Amino acid sequence: MRKLVFATNNAHKLEEVRAVLENKIEIISLNELGCYDDIPETADTLEGNALIKAAYVFEKFGLTCIADDTGLEVEALNGEPGVYSARYGGEPHDAQKNMQKLLKKLDGVENRKAQFRTVIVLKDAQRELYFEGMIHGNIATVPSGNAGFGYDPVFIPDGYDKSFAELGAELKNRISHRALAVEKLVQFLKDDLAE
């Protein structure tokens, strides 16, 4: 079975990606690889941050690596929090503070359109390839639901009347931004393996 390093130690992300890949490819986390370095995400785009992580792992270990960066982009806030989504409420990462800041900024704002966007980079000796997934929705006025992570309790995807945190992992893993990006990656890997 083909092995890929996923440049993350985020258990939720690993779970989501492994679920979408359905054991077609073995995914190894940074911890499982023995990489405990804090890889700084210093780019000002999702693409840039994903590439920094993937290139770091590839250069250090010589293994094919995928890395992602995800941002919540809110129309009325000119795309904020975007690349700063994980640290929106300050350091250290705190999902509650991030959501509080977002809801405060949107207080009284009618346009609550938003999109979640994930960019995955696959880096090996020959190439760096980008796969993007995006889902549109709206920001709720109050958080609801206990499943998921990050902004899931306040993001209501188009076509649904519940937040990601209320829809449950199984449905979210089929429709989410990350699922869409992973799907493109999986299709590429299947085609690549078939050649």
Protein backbone atom coordinates (compact mmCIF):
# COMPACT_ATOMS: atom_id res chain seq x y z
CA MET A 1 0.00 0.00 0.00
CA ARG A 2 1.24 3.46 -0.86
CA LYS A 3 2.33 5.59 2.09
CA LEU A 4 1.98 9.33 2.41
CA VAL A 5 3.06 11.60 5.21
CA PHE A 6 0.36 14.07 6.21
CA ALA A 7 2.16 17.08 7.71
CA THR A 8 -0.17 17.45 10.68
CA ASN A 9 -0.70 16.27 14.23
CA ASN A 10 -4.29 17.47 14.25
CA ALA A 11 -6.21 14.31 15.15
CA HIS A 12 -9.46 15.67 13.67
CA LYS A 13 -7.84 16.38 10.30
CA LEU A 14 -6.13 12.98 10.24
CA GLU A 15 -9.42 11.26 11.04
CA GLU A 16 -11.24 13.17 8.28
CA VAL A 17 -8.59 12.44 5.64
CA ARG A 18 -8.26 8.77 6.60
CA ALA A 19 -12.06 8.40 6.46
CA VAL A 20 -12.21 9.91 2.96
CA LEU A 21 -9.28 7.77 1.75
CA GLU A 22 -11.02 4.59 3.03
CA ASN A 23 -7.71 2.77 3.62
CA LYS A 24 -6.66 3.06 -0.04
CA ILE A 25 -3.46 4.81 1.01
CA GLU A 26 -1.66 4.64 4.35
CA ILE A 27 -1.47 8.07 5.97
CA ILE A 28 1.29 8.71 8.50
CA SER A 29 1.13 11.72 10.84
CA LEU A 30 4.15 13.79 11.86
CA ASN A 31 4.14 12.10 15.30
CA GLU A 32 4.12 8.65 13.72
CA LEU A 33 7.04 9.76 11.56
CA GLY A 34 8.92 10.99 14.61
CA CYS A 35 8.82 14.63 13.52
CA TYR A 36 8.04 16.87 16.48
CA ASP A 37 9.22 20.13 14.92
CA ASP A 38 6.95 23.14 15.03
CA ILE A 39 6.80 24.05 11.35
CA PRO A 40 6.12 27.79 11.15
CA GLU A 41 3.28 28.82 8.84
CA THR A 42 4.57 32.20 7.73
CA ALA A 43 2.97 32.58 4.29
CA ASP A 44 0.10 34.97 3.66
CA THR A 45 -1.88 32.45 1.58
CA LEU A 46 -3.31 29.00 2.26
CA GLU A 47 -1.32 27.67 -0.72
CA GLY A 48 1.91 29.10 0.71
CA ASN A 49 1.42 27.63 4.19
CA ALA A 50 0.55 24.19 2.82
CA LEU A 51 3.67 24.23 0.65
CA ILE A 52 5.93 25.32 3.54
CA LYS A 53 4.81 22.28 5.57
CA ALA A 54 4.97 19.77 2.71
CA ALA A 55 8.39 20.99 1.50
CA TYR A 56 9.80 20.93 5.05
CA VAL A 57 8.85 17.29 5.58
CA PHE A 58 9.95 16.24 2.11
CA GLU A 59 13.35 17.92 2.47
CA LYS A 60 13.95 16.54 5.97
CA PHE A 61 12.71 12.96 5.46
CA GLY A 62 12.69 12.45 1.69
CA LEU A 63 9.14 11.10 1.82
CA THR A 64 6.20 12.09 -0.33
CA CYS A 65 4.18 14.47 1.78
CA ILE A 66 0.78 16.10 1.73
CA ALA A 67 0.01 19.18 3.75
CA ASP A 68 -3.04 21.36 3.95
CA ASP A 69 -4.13 24.73 5.10
CA THR A 70 -7.71 25.72 5.60
CA GLY A 71 -9.34 29.06 6.05
CA LEU A 72 -12.80 30.38 6.75
CA GLU A 73 -13.40 33.33 4.44
CA VAL A 74 -16.26 35.67 5.37
CA GLU A 75 -17.59 37.94 2.64
CA ALA A 76 -18.57 40.88 4.87
CA LEU A 77 -15.10 40.82 6.49
CA ASN A 78 -13.23 40.94 3.16
CA GLY A 79 -12.19 37.30 3.46
CA GLU A 80 -11.25 37.34 7.15
CA PRO A 81 -10.17 35.33 9.07
CA GLY A 82 -8.75 33.49 6.01
CA VAL A 83 -5.15 32.40 6.44
CA TYR A 84 -5.32 33.50 10.11
CA SER A 85 -8.35 31.32 10.93
CA ALA A 86 -6.60 29.12 13.51
CA ARG A 87 -5.13 32.10 15.41
CA TYR A 88 -7.91 34.62 14.84
CA GLY A 89 -8.63 35.03 18.55
CA GLY A 90 -4.90 35.15 19.43
CA GLU A 91 -2.32 32.64 20.63
CA PRO A 92 -2.51 29.85 21.62
CA HIS A 93 -5.07 28.43 19.16
CA ASP A 94 -8.48 28.56 20.81
CA ALA A 95 -11.61 27.65 18.85
CA GLN A 96 -13.92 29.36 21.35
CA LYS A 97 -12.01 32.66 21.21
CA ASN A 98 -11.88 32.46 17.41
CA MET A 99 -15.65 32.01 17.20
CA GLN A 100 -16.31 34.75 19.77
CA LYS A 101 -14.21 37.24 17.81
CA LEU A 102 -15.90 36.29 14.54
CA LEU A 103 -19.42 36.57 15.97
CA LYS A 104 -18.56 39.92 17.60
CA LYS A 105 -17.30 41.31 14.29
CA LEU A 106 -20.47 40.11 12.56
CA ASP A 107 -22.81 41.44 15.24
CA GLY A 108 -25.59 43.30 13.44
CA VAL A 109 -24.19 42.42 10.00
CA GLU A 110 -26.84 41.12 7.62
CA ASN A 111 -24.54 39.52 5.03
CA ARG A 112 -23.28 36.36 6.72
CA LYS A 113 -22.06 34.59 3.57
CA ALA A 114 -18.85 32.62 4.04
CA GLN A 115 -16.85 29.82 2.53
CA PHE A 116 -14.49 27.24 3.93
CA ARG A 117 -11.52 26.65 1.65
CA THR A 118 -8.90 23.91 1.93
CA VAL A 119 -5.74 23.70 -0.15
CA ILE A 120 -3.75 20.45 -0.13
CA VAL A 121 -0.23 20.31 -1.54
CA LEU A 122 1.36 17.04 -2.57
CA LYS A 123 5.16 17.29 -2.67
CA ASP A 124 7.55 14.66 -3.99
CA ALA A 125 10.85 14.68 -5.87
CA GLN A 126 9.25 15.58 -9.21
CA ARG A 127 6.49 17.99 -8.38
CA GLU A 128 4.30 20.02 -6.11
CA LEU A 129 0.61 19.72 -6.91
CA TYR A 130 -2.32 21.69 -5.49
CA PHE A 131 -5.84 20.42 -4.79
CA GLU A 132 -8.54 22.81 -3.62
CA GLY A 133 -11.89 22.18 -1.99
CA MET A 134 -14.47 24.82 -1.16
CA ILE A 135 -17.90 24.87 0.44
CA HIS A 136 -20.18 27.89 0.66
CA GLY A 137 -22.48 28.68 3.53
CA ASN A 138 -23.43 31.23 6.16
CA ILE A 139 -22.25 32.13 9.64
CA ALA A 140 -24.86 31.46 12.34
CA THR A 141 -25.59 34.08 14.99
CA VAL A 142 -24.87 31.59 17.81
CA PRO A 143 -22.80 28.36 17.91
CA SER A 144 -24.72 25.07 17.91
CA GLY A 145 -23.71 21.42 17.96
CA ASN A 146 -20.89 19.48 19.61
CA ALA A 147 -19.37 17.51 16.74
CA GLY A 148 -16.49 18.70 14.58
CA PHE A 149 -13.92 21.31 15.54
CA GLY A 150 -12.83 24.87 14.85
CA TYR A 151 -15.62 27.02 13.40
CA ASP A 152 -17.94 24.03 12.76
CA PRO A 153 -20.55 25.18 15.34
CA VAL A 154 -21.10 28.50 13.51
CA PHE A 155 -20.82 27.40 9.85
CA ILE A 156 -24.07 26.38 8.13
CA PRO A 157 -23.33 24.93 4.68
CA ASP A 158 -25.59 25.91 1.78
CA GLY A 159 -28.51 23.51 1.37
CA TYR A 160 -28.61 22.64 5.09
CA ASP A 161 -30.26 24.25 8.09
CA LYS A 162 -27.78 22.88 10.63
CA SER A 163 -24.18 23.73 11.43
CA PHE A 164 -21.27 21.44 10.53
CA ALA A 165 -21.12 20.61 14.26
CA GLU A 166 -24.73 19.38 14.16
CA LEU A 167 -24.53 17.44 10.89
CA GLY A 168 -22.16 14.81 12.31
CA ALA A 169 -18.82 13.48 11.08
CA GLU A 170 -20.17 11.08 8.46
CA LEU A 171 -22.09 13.73 6.50
CA LYS A 172 -19.43 16.40 7.04
CA ASN A 173 -16.75 14.03 5.72
CA ARG A 174 -18.74 13.70 2.50
CA ILE A 175 -19.50 17.38 1.82
CA SER A 176 -16.78 19.44 3.51
CA HIS A 177 -14.10 21.59 1.91
CA ARG A 178 -11.44 19.14 3.12
CA ALA A 179 -13.38 16.17 1.76
CA LEU A 180 -13.62 17.85 -1.65
CA ALA A 181 -9.89 18.61 -1.73
CA VAL A 182 -9.03 15.08 -0.55
CA GLU A 183 -11.35 13.64 -3.21
CA LYS A 184 -9.36 15.46 -5.91
CA LEU A 185 -6.11 14.23 -4.35
CA VAL A 186 -7.41 10.63 -4.18
CA GLN A 187 -8.54 10.74 -7.81
CA PHE A 188 -5.10 11.98 -8.82
CA LEU A 189 -3.37 9.25 -6.76
CA LYS A 190 -5.59 6.53 -8.25
CA ASP A 191 -4.83 7.74 -11.78
CA ASP A 192 -1.16 8.04 -10.87
CA LEU A 193 -1.06 4.48 -9.49
CA ALA A 194 -2.85 3.17 -12.57
CA GLU A 195 -0.23 4.55 -14.96
